[in-house]
Amino acid sequence: QLDIGTAVHDIRYTRDGTNYRRTYFSSNPAQVMVLRLRADKPGAHTGRISLVDAHEGEIAAKGNTITISGSLDGYVYSGGSTRGRTAGYAIALQYEAQLMLLNEGGTIEASDGGIAFTDCDSLTILLAAGTNYLNQREKGWKGEHPHNRITAQLAAASKKPFDELLAEHVADYQHLFDRCTIDWGTTPDAIRGLPTNERLAAYKSGGKDPDLEELQFQYARYMMISCSRPGCMPANLQGLWNQSNRPPWRSDYHTDVNIQMNYWFV
């Protein structure tokens, strides 16, 4: 489930008689992504964690931390609207990501660019990432390498218990999300109980579903709060959720309508 009232993603399942729970959120105050894995039986987690880089950055694992560090210098995208391009770019950023694994019970061991964990009761995974981008034209759009900043963010977050990180995140998010509530009526129980695809089909056929309209409104606010805060860049096309090196329209800014559409709901 995704609870847009707290901006927390939660997965629960049962396997071989053990009940598992995975909780995910991105903390604006801590500037880290947090993943929590737990179970109702001790020693239930055994596996391996690794990171994959999309730009051939260097991957190294030491202790409880995996680091990817690289540069976009020399990378050229020659598809889409830049089809056939061979020249490099005037601005090429450096980037880094760090993952820290915190285990309760069991053991962990770093090797071959990853971290193996054995018979752990629970795991907390912290992930931070950044580039040397600087929003200052006079400095060539580039600042310090992100390594020190990311290392400090992880160090600070790792000193806090998971429950404290979660409470801090929820308080920060709800400070904005809870400023606005709406009530456009009540959807009949028969419609509320439908799977989402059937509920959408019923709505398109003229069915009354004010709760669905309210959810759409609040979902847009959830997305905007989660990607657009003072001091950061405005939301672009795919936003922080772009998963591709070759996104449609380069995941850039279009002021003819796209930016306006992003911000309409807020």
C-alpha atoms as a PDB file:
ATOM      1  CA  GLN A   1       0.000   0.000   0.000  1.00  0.00           C
ATOM      2  CA  LEU A   2       0.962   3.643  -0.452  1.00  0.00           C
ATOM      3  CA  ASP A   3      -0.374   5.922   2.265  1.00  0.00           C
ATOM      4  CA  ILE A   4      -0.408   9.402   0.741  1.00  0.00           C
ATOM      5  CA  GLY A   5      -1.377  10.820   4.139  1.00  0.00           C
ATOM      6  CA  THR A   6       2.093   9.918   5.442  1.00  0.00           C
ATOM      7  CA  ALA A   7       4.061   9.368   2.178  1.00  0.00           C
ATOM      8  CA  VAL A   8       5.000   5.862   3.327  1.00  0.00           C
ATOM      9  CA  HIS A   9       5.016   2.728   1.157  1.00  0.00           C
ATOM     10  CA  ASP A  10       4.374  -0.568   2.935  1.00  0.00           C
ATOM     11  CA  ILE A  11       4.525  -4.199   1.750  1.00  0.00           C
ATOM     12  CA  ARG A  12       3.420  -7.194   3.833  1.00  0.00           C
ATOM     13  CA  TYR A  13       3.524 -10.851   2.888  1.00  0.00           C
ATOM     14  CA  THR A  14       3.827 -14.327   4.402  1.00  0.00           C
ATOM     15  CA  ARG A  15       6.313 -16.981   3.302  1.00  0.00           C
ATOM     16  CA  ASP A  16       6.952 -20.363   4.922  1.00  0.00           C
ATOM     17  CA  GLY A  17       5.016 -19.326   8.018  1.00  0.00           C
ATOM     18  CA  THR A  18       6.952 -16.085   8.548  1.00  0.00           C
ATOM     19  CA  ASN A  19       5.240 -12.685   8.259  1.00  0.00           C
ATOM     20  CA  TYR A  20       7.421 -10.096   6.531  1.00  0.00           C
ATOM     21  CA  ARG A  21       7.047  -6.336   6.340  1.00  0.00           C
ATOM     22  CA  ARG A  22       8.952  -3.825   4.211  1.00  0.00           C
ATOM     23  CA  THR A  23       8.561  -0.081   4.758  1.00  0.00           C
ATOM     24  CA  TYR A  24       9.904   2.609   2.417  1.00  0.00           C
ATOM     25  CA  PHE A  25      10.004   6.401   2.482  1.00  0.00           C
ATOM     26  CA  SER A  26      12.115   9.309   1.266  1.00  0.00           C
ATOM     27  CA  SER A  27      12.975  11.703   4.065  1.00  0.00           C
ATOM     28  CA  ASN A  28      13.272  15.375   3.214  1.00  0.00           C
ATOM     29  CA  PRO A  29      14.685  16.331   6.648  1.00  0.00           C
ATOM     30  CA  ALA A  30      17.336  13.584   6.573  1.00  0.00           C
ATOM     31  CA  GLN A  31      17.891  13.754   2.797  1.00  0.00           C
ATOM     32  CA  VAL A  32      18.004   9.947   2.554  1.00  0.00           C
ATOM     33  CA  MET A  33      15.778   7.171   1.274  1.00  0.00           C
ATOM     34  CA  VAL A  34      14.940   4.662   4.004  1.00  0.00           C
ATOM     35  CA  LEU A  35      14.047   0.984   3.537  1.00  0.00           C
ATOM     36  CA  ARG A  36      13.161  -1.129   6.571  1.00  0.00           C
ATOM     37  CA  LEU A  37      12.930  -4.943   6.373  1.00  0.00           C
ATOM     38  CA  ARG A  38      11.558  -6.875   9.344  1.00  0.00           C
ATOM     39  CA  ALA A  39       9.801 -10.128  10.222  1.00  0.00           C
ATOM     40  CA  ASP A  40       7.951 -11.703  13.138  1.00  0.00           C
ATOM     41  CA  LYS A  41      10.625 -14.400  13.570  1.00  0.00           C
ATOM     42  CA  PRO A  42      14.331 -13.898  14.369  1.00  0.00           C
ATOM     43  CA  GLY A  43      17.029 -14.528  11.795  1.00  0.00           C
ATOM     44  CA  ALA A  44      14.570 -14.360   8.877  1.00  0.00           C
ATOM     45  CA  HIS A  45      16.687 -12.263   6.507  1.00  0.00           C
ATOM     46  CA  THR A  46      19.491 -13.748   4.442  1.00  0.00           C
ATOM     47  CA  GLY A  47      20.549 -12.363   1.076  1.00  0.00           C
ATOM     48  CA  ARG A  48      22.738  -9.873  -0.732  1.00  0.00           C
ATOM     49  CA  ILE A  49      22.467  -6.205  -1.647  1.00  0.00           C
ATOM     50  CA  SER A  50      24.175  -4.621  -4.635  1.00  0.00           C
ATOM     51  CA  LEU A  51      23.823  -1.456  -6.688  1.00  0.00           C
ATOM     52  CA  VAL A  52      23.883  -1.139 -10.476  1.00  0.00           C
ATOM     53  CA  ASP A  53      25.086   2.042 -12.147  1.00  0.00           C
ATOM     54  CA  ALA A  54      23.637   3.229 -15.458  1.00  0.00           C
ATOM     55  CA  HIS A  55      26.728   5.230 -16.445  1.00  0.00           C
ATOM     56  CA  GLU A  56      29.581   2.843 -15.713  1.00  0.00           C
ATOM     57  CA  GLY A  57      30.596   4.508 -12.485  1.00  0.00           C
ATOM     58  CA  GLU A  58      32.984   2.844 -10.067  1.00  0.00           C
ATOM     59  CA  ILE A  59      31.292   0.564  -7.530  1.00  0.00           C
ATOM     60  CA  ALA A  60      32.969  -0.310  -4.229  1.00  0.00           C
ATOM     61  CA  ALA A  61      31.779  -1.963  -1.014  1.00  0.00           C
ATOM     62  CA  LYS A  62      33.491  -1.619   2.345  1.00  0.00           C
ATOM     63  CA  GLY A  63      32.170  -2.388   5.813  1.00  0.00           C
ATOM     64  CA  ASN A  64      28.450  -1.661   5.716  1.00  0.00           C
ATOM     65  CA  THR A  65      28.533   0.807   2.809  1.00  0.00           C
ATOM     66  CA  ILE A  66      28.339   0.535  -0.979  1.00  0.00           C
ATOM     67  CA  THR A  67      29.521   3.536  -2.997  1.00  0.00           C
ATOM     68  CA  ILE A  68      29.024   4.367  -6.658  1.00  0.00           C
ATOM     69  CA  SER A  69      30.973   7.325  -7.995  1.00  0.00           C
ATOM     70  CA  GLY A  70      31.274   8.537 -11.562  1.00  0.00           C
ATOM     71  CA  SER A  71      31.085  11.338 -14.095  1.00  0.00           C
ATOM     72  CA  LEU A  72      29.000  12.053 -17.192  1.00  0.00           C
ATOM     73  CA  ASP A  73      32.052  13.465 -18.964  1.00  0.00           C
ATOM     74  CA  GLY A  74      32.101  11.923 -22.432  1.00  0.00           C
ATOM     75  CA  TYR A  75      28.539  10.594 -22.296  1.00  0.00           C
ATOM     76  CA  VAL A  76      26.536  11.579 -25.390  1.00  0.00           C
ATOM     77  CA  TYR A  77      22.885  10.861 -26.051  1.00  0.00           C
ATOM     78  CA  SER A  78      22.334  10.581 -29.789  1.00  0.00           C
ATOM     79  CA  GLY A  79      18.657   9.627 -29.942  1.00  0.00           C
ATOM     80  CA  GLY A  80      15.316  11.378 -29.936  1.00  0.00           C
ATOM     81  CA  SER A  81      15.514  15.103 -30.577  1.00  0.00           C
ATOM     82  CA  THR A  82      19.350  14.902 -30.580  1.00  0.00           C
ATOM     83  CA  ARG A  83      19.498  12.057 -33.097  1.00  0.00           C
ATOM     84  CA  GLY A  84      22.957  11.722 -34.618  1.00  0.00           C
ATOM     85  CA  ARG A  85      24.756  13.881 -32.060  1.00  0.00           C
ATOM     86  CA  THR A  86      28.415  12.989 -31.523  1.00  0.00           C
ATOM     87  CA  ALA A  87      29.786  16.067 -29.764  1.00  0.00           C
ATOM     88  CA  GLY A  88      30.163  16.078 -26.013  1.00  0.00           C
ATOM     89  CA  TYR A  89      28.389  18.489 -23.689  1.00  0.00           C
ATOM     90  CA  ALA A  90      29.798  21.709 -22.295  1.00  0.00           C
ATOM     91  CA  ILE A  91      28.590  20.755 -18.806  1.00  0.00           C
ATOM     92  CA  ALA A  92      29.214  17.246 -17.466  1.00  0.00           C
ATOM     93  CA  LEU A  93      28.350  16.521 -13.854  1.00  0.00           C
ATOM     94  CA  GLN A  94      29.994  14.289 -11.284  1.00  0.00           C
ATOM     95  CA  TYR A  95      27.708  12.086  -9.235  1.00  0.00           C
ATOM     96  CA  GLU A  96      27.752   9.704  -6.311  1.00  0.00           C
ATOM     97  CA  ALA A  97      25.391   7.362  -4.466  1.00  0.00           C
ATOM     98  CA  GLN A  98      26.007   5.675  -1.137  1.00  0.00           C
ATOM     99  CA  LEU A  99      24.036   2.860   0.462  1.00  0.00           C
ATOM    100  CA  MET A 100      24.453   2.030   4.143  1.00  0.00           C
ATOM    101  CA  LEU A 101      23.178  -1.255   5.586  1.00  0.00           C
ATOM    102  CA  LEU A 102      22.322  -1.384   9.298  1.00  0.00           C
ATOM    103  CA  ASN A 103      21.564  -4.863  10.651  1.00  0.00           C
ATOM    104  CA  GLU A 104      20.009  -6.086  13.869  1.00  0.00           C
ATOM    105  CA  GLY A 105      21.131  -9.628  14.630  1.00  0.00           C
ATOM    106  CA  GLY A 106      23.006 -11.843  12.197  1.00  0.00           C
ATOM    107  CA  THR A 107      26.079 -10.792  10.252  1.00  0.00           C
ATOM    108  CA  ILE A 108      26.971  -8.731   7.190  1.00  0.00           C
ATOM    109  CA  GLU A 109      30.037  -8.903   4.924  1.00  0.00           C
ATOM    110  CA  ALA A 110      31.169  -6.679   2.053  1.00  0.00           C
ATOM    111  CA  SER A 111      32.689  -8.317  -1.024  1.00  0.00           C
ATOM    112  CA  ASP A 112      32.730  -7.936  -4.813  1.00  0.00           C
ATOM    113  CA  GLY A 113      30.939  -4.596  -4.776  1.00  0.00           C
ATOM    114  CA  GLY A 114      28.032  -5.771  -2.604  1.00  0.00           C
ATOM    115  CA  ILE A 115      27.052  -6.666   0.944  1.00  0.00           C
ATOM    116  CA  ALA A 116      25.856 -10.128   2.017  1.00  0.00           C
ATOM    117  CA  PHE A 117      23.649 -10.429   5.105  1.00  0.00           C
ATOM    118  CA  THR A 118      23.012 -13.660   6.991  1.00  0.00           C
ATOM    119  CA  ASP A 119      20.348 -14.574   9.599  1.00  0.00           C
ATOM    120  CA  CYS A 120      19.486 -10.963  10.403  1.00  0.00           C
ATOM    121  CA  ASP A 121      16.412 -10.130  12.479  1.00  0.00           C
ATOM    122  CA  SER A 122      15.848  -6.839  10.638  1.00  0.00           C
ATOM    123  CA  LEU A 123      17.616  -4.485   8.253  1.00  0.00           C
ATOM    124  CA  THR A 124      17.537  -0.740   7.719  1.00  0.00           C
ATOM    125  CA  ILE A 125      18.882   0.469   4.387  1.00  0.00           C
ATOM    126  CA  LEU A 126      19.802   4.130   3.931  1.00  0.00           C
ATOM    127  CA  LEU A 127      20.453   5.507   0.445  1.00  0.00           C
ATOM    128  CA  ALA A 128      21.700   8.987  -0.421  1.00  0.00           C
ATOM    129  CA  ALA A 129      22.740  10.385  -3.778  1.00  0.00           C
ATOM    130  CA  GLY A 130      23.710  13.638  -5.413  1.00  0.00           C
ATOM    131  CA  THR A 131      25.664  15.473  -8.084  1.00  0.00           C
ATOM    132  CA  ASN A 132      27.933  18.499  -8.146  1.00  0.00           C
ATOM    133  CA  TYR A 133      25.237  20.569  -9.865  1.00  0.00           C
ATOM    134  CA  LEU A 134      25.054  24.137  -8.574  1.00  0.00           C
ATOM    135  CA  ASN A 135      22.235  26.480  -9.557  1.00  0.00           C
ATOM    136  CA  GLN A 136      24.563  29.417 -10.216  1.00  0.00           C
ATOM    137  CA  ARG A 137      25.358  30.448 -13.772  1.00  0.00           C
ATOM    138  CA  GLU A 138      28.373  32.549 -12.722  1.00  0.00           C
ATOM    139  CA  LYS A 139      30.040  29.409 -11.342  1.00  0.00           C
ATOM    140  CA  GLY A 140      29.452  27.338 -14.454  1.00  0.00           C
ATOM    141  CA  TRP A 141      26.586  25.380 -12.847  1.00  0.00           C
ATOM    142  CA  LYS A 142      29.036  23.145 -10.978  1.00  0.00           C
ATOM    143  CA  GLY A 143      30.077  23.084  -7.329  1.00  0.00           C
ATOM    144  CA  GLU A 144      31.815  20.683  -4.971  1.00  0.00           C
ATOM    145  CA  HIS A 145      31.841  16.937  -5.479  1.00  0.00           C
ATOM    146  CA  PRO A 146      28.859  15.450  -3.576  1.00  0.00           C
ATOM    147  CA  HIS A 147      30.908  12.871  -1.629  1.00  0.00           C
ATOM    148  CA  ASN A 148      31.323  14.830   1.601  1.00  0.00           C
ATOM    149  CA  ARG A 149      27.701  15.965   1.633  1.00  0.00           C
ATOM    150  CA  ILE A 150      26.346  12.463   1.086  1.00  0.00           C
ATOM    151  CA  THR A 151      28.694  10.939   3.654  1.00  0.00           C
ATOM    152  CA  ALA A 152      27.531  13.459   6.255  1.00  0.00           C
ATOM    153  CA  GLN A 153      23.849  12.846   5.475  1.00  0.00           C
ATOM    154  CA  LEU A 154      24.246   9.098   5.930  1.00  0.00           C
ATOM    155  CA  ALA A 155      26.284   9.484   9.099  1.00  0.00           C
ATOM    156  CA  ALA A 156      23.638  11.704  10.677  1.00  0.00           C
ATOM    157  CA  ALA A 157      20.732   9.473   9.602  1.00  0.00           C
ATOM    158  CA  SER A 158      22.441   6.296  10.807  1.00  0.00           C
ATOM    159  CA  LYS A 159      22.609   7.662  14.341  1.00  0.00           C
ATOM    160  CA  LYS A 160      18.822   7.859  14.566  1.00  0.00           C
ATOM    161  CA  PRO A 161      16.576   4.838  15.221  1.00  0.00           C
ATOM    162  CA  PHE A 162      14.223   3.909  12.403  1.00  0.00           C
ATOM    163  CA  ASP A 163      11.152   5.058  14.354  1.00  0.00           C
ATOM    164  CA  GLU A 164      12.715   8.489  14.814  1.00  0.00           C
ATOM    165  CA  LEU A 165      13.538   8.810  11.109  1.00  0.00           C
ATOM    166  CA  LEU A 166       9.967   7.799  10.286  1.00  0.00           C
ATOM    167  CA  ALA A 167       8.374  10.226  12.747  1.00  0.00           C
ATOM    168  CA  GLU A 168      10.587  13.058  11.505  1.00  0.00           C
ATOM    169  CA  HIS A 169       9.618  12.313   7.906  1.00  0.00           C
ATOM    170  CA  VAL A 170       5.895  12.101   8.617  1.00  0.00           C
ATOM    171  CA  ALA A 171       5.881  15.340  10.620  1.00  0.00           C
ATOM    172  CA  ASP A 172       7.728  17.183   7.838  1.00  0.00           C
ATOM    173  CA  TYR A 173       5.388  15.838   5.155  1.00  0.00           C
ATOM    174  CA  GLN A 174       2.126  16.329   7.046  1.00  0.00           C
ATOM    175  CA  HIS A 175       3.079  19.919   7.860  1.00  0.00           C
ATOM    176  CA  LEU A 176       2.313  20.545   4.188  1.00  0.00           C
ATOM    177  CA  PHE A 177      -0.140  17.783   3.266  1.00  0.00           C
ATOM    178  CA  ASP A 178      -2.535  18.369   6.167  1.00  0.00           C
ATOM    179  CA  ARG A 179      -3.017  22.041   5.307  1.00  0.00           C
ATOM    180  CA  CYS A 180      -5.724  21.117   2.801  1.00  0.00           C
ATOM    181  CA  THR A 181      -8.705  18.765   3.048  1.00  0.00           C
ATOM    182  CA  ILE A 182     -11.686  18.414   0.723  1.00  0.00           C
ATOM    183  CA  ASP A 183     -15.030  16.636   0.859  1.00  0.00           C
ATOM    184  CA  TRP A 184     -16.979  16.309  -2.385  1.00  0.00           C
ATOM    185  CA  GLY A 185     -19.384  13.661  -1.135  1.00  0.00           C
ATOM    186  CA  THR A 186     -19.353   9.935  -0.399  1.00  0.00           C
ATOM    187  CA  THR A 187     -18.862   7.117  -2.894  1.00  0.00           C
ATOM    188  CA  PRO A 188     -21.236   4.130  -2.542  1.00  0.00           C
ATOM    189  CA  ASP A 189     -19.620   1.139  -0.815  1.00  0.00           C
ATOM    190  CA  ALA A 190     -20.207  -1.064  -3.854  1.00  0.00           C
ATOM    191  CA  ILE A 191     -17.991   1.198  -5.959  1.00  0.00           C
ATOM    192  CA  ARG A 192     -15.402   1.812  -3.251  1.00  0.00           C
ATOM    193  CA  GLY A 193     -14.848  -1.937  -2.990  1.00  0.00           C
ATOM    194  CA  LEU A 194     -14.036  -2.415  -6.671  1.00  0.00           C
ATOM    195  CA  PRO A 195     -10.478  -3.015  -7.910  1.00  0.00           C
ATOM    196  CA  THR A 196      -8.966   0.210  -9.207  1.00  0.00           C
ATOM    197  CA  ASN A 197      -9.259  -0.683 -12.898  1.00  0.00           C
ATOM    198  CA  GLU A 198     -12.960  -1.493 -12.527  1.00  0.00           C
ATOM    199  CA  ARG A 199     -13.499   1.617 -10.449  1.00  0.00           C
ATOM    200  CA  LEU A 200     -11.935   3.768 -13.182  1.00  0.00           C
ATOM    201  CA  ALA A 201     -14.034   2.039 -15.841  1.00  0.00           C
ATOM    202  CA  ALA A 202     -17.198   2.738 -13.844  1.00  0.00           C
ATOM    203  CA  TYR A 203     -16.205   6.382 -13.474  1.00  0.00           C
ATOM    204  CA  LYS A 204     -15.586   6.741 -17.224  1.00  0.00           C
ATOM    205  CA  SER A 205     -19.041   5.302 -17.817  1.00  0.00           C
ATOM    206  CA  GLY A 206     -20.609   8.090 -15.789  1.00  0.00           C
ATOM    207  CA  GLY A 207     -20.587   6.549 -12.329  1.00  0.00           C
ATOM    208  CA  LYS A 208     -20.446   8.937  -9.396  1.00  0.00           C
ATOM    209  CA  ASP A 209     -17.246   8.516  -7.397  1.00  0.00           C
ATOM    210  CA  PRO A 210     -16.394  11.684  -5.455  1.00  0.00           C
ATOM    211  CA  ASP A 211     -13.901   9.817  -3.253  1.00  0.00           C
ATOM    212  CA  LEU A 212     -11.905   8.930  -6.369  1.00  0.00           C
ATOM    213  CA  GLU A 213     -11.863  12.593  -7.397  1.00  0.00           C
ATOM    214  CA  GLU A 214     -10.656  13.560  -3.937  1.00  0.00           C
ATOM    215  CA  LEU A 215      -7.941  10.884  -4.121  1.00  0.00           C
ATOM    216  CA  GLN A 216      -6.731  12.211  -7.485  1.00  0.00           C
ATOM    217  CA  PHE A 217      -6.503  15.726  -6.080  1.00  0.00           C
ATOM    218  CA  GLN A 218      -4.593  14.615  -2.991  1.00  0.00           C
ATOM    219  CA  TYR A 219      -2.351  12.254  -4.976  1.00  0.00           C
ATOM    220  CA  ALA A 220      -1.190  15.187  -7.078  1.00  0.00           C
ATOM    221  CA  ARG A 221      -0.391  17.107  -3.892  1.00  0.00           C
ATOM    222  CA  TYR A 222       1.492  14.101  -2.508  1.00  0.00           C
ATOM    223  CA  MET A 223       3.636  13.950  -5.652  1.00  0.00           C
ATOM    224  CA  MET A 224       4.362  17.667  -5.643  1.00  0.00           C
ATOM    225  CA  ILE A 225       5.279  17.753  -1.938  1.00  0.00           C
ATOM    226  CA  SER A 226       7.581  14.782  -2.582  1.00  0.00           C
ATOM    227  CA  CYS A 227       9.465  16.396  -5.473  1.00  0.00           C
ATOM    228  CA  SER A 228       9.276  20.180  -5.190  1.00  0.00           C
ATOM    229  CA  ARG A 229      10.515  21.983  -2.091  1.00  0.00           C
ATOM    230  CA  PRO A 230      12.081  25.404  -1.570  1.00  0.00           C
ATOM    231  CA  GLY A 231      15.724  25.376  -2.595  1.00  0.00           C
ATOM    232  CA  CYS A 232      15.443  22.554  -5.121  1.00  0.00           C
ATOM    233  CA  MET A 233      14.713  22.573  -8.836  1.00  0.00           C
ATOM    234  CA  PRO A 234      11.101  22.811 -10.067  1.00  0.00           C
ATOM    235  CA  ALA A 235       9.373  19.613 -11.122  1.00  0.00           C
ATOM    236  CA  ASN A 236      10.241  18.699 -14.709  1.00  0.00           C
ATOM    237  CA  LEU A 237       8.645  16.131 -17.030  1.00  0.00           C
ATOM    238  CA  GLN A 238       9.459  12.775 -15.404  1.00  0.00           C
ATOM    239  CA  GLY A 239      10.636  14.510 -12.263  1.00  0.00           C
ATOM    240  CA  LEU A 240      12.643  12.731  -9.598  1.00  0.00           C
ATOM    241  CA  TRP A 241      11.101   9.453 -10.752  1.00  0.00           C
ATOM    242  CA  ASN A 242      12.777   9.352 -14.171  1.00  0.00           C
ATOM    243  CA  GLN A 243      14.242   5.834 -14.523  1.00  0.00           C
ATOM    244  CA  SER A 244      15.738   6.173 -18.004  1.00  0.00           C
ATOM    245  CA  ASN A 245      18.950   7.498 -19.538  1.00  0.00           C
ATOM    246  CA  ARG A 246      16.818   8.305 -22.566  1.00  0.00           C
ATOM    247  CA  PRO A 247      13.557   9.739 -21.222  1.00  0.00           C
ATOM    248  CA  PRO A 248      10.931  11.239 -23.539  1.00  0.00           C
ATOM    249  CA  TRP A 249      11.716  14.885 -24.272  1.00  0.00           C
ATOM    250  CA  ARG A 250      14.926  14.474 -22.213  1.00  0.00           C
ATOM    251  CA  SER A 251      12.945  14.874 -18.981  1.00  0.00           C
ATOM    252  CA  ASP A 252      13.448  18.619 -19.369  1.00  0.00           C
ATOM    253  CA  TYR A 253      11.428  21.808 -18.834  1.00  0.00           C
ATOM    254  CA  HIS A 254       8.698  22.910 -21.253  1.00  0.00           C
ATOM    255  CA  THR A 255       7.115  26.234 -20.348  1.00  0.00           C
ATOM    256  CA  ASP A 256       4.416  26.012 -23.034  1.00  0.00           C
ATOM    257  CA  VAL A 257       2.244  23.906 -20.728  1.00  0.00           C
ATOM    258  CA  ASN A 258       4.086  21.080 -18.917  1.00  0.00           C
ATOM    259  CA  ILE A 259       5.372  23.018 -15.909  1.00  0.00           C
ATOM    260  CA  GLN A 260       1.980  24.649 -15.511  1.00  0.00           C
ATOM    261  CA  MET A 261       0.285  21.244 -15.576  1.00  0.00           C
ATOM    262  CA  ASN A 262       2.645  19.932 -12.904  1.00  0.00           C
ATOM    263  CA  TYR A 263       1.642  22.721 -10.547  1.00  0.00           C
ATOM    264  CA  TRP A 264      -2.061  23.091 -11.334  1.00  0.00           C
ATOM    265  CA  PHE A 265      -3.199  20.999  -8.383  1.00  0.00           C
ATOM    266  CA  VAL A 266      -1.239  23.102  -5.911  1.00  0.00           C
END
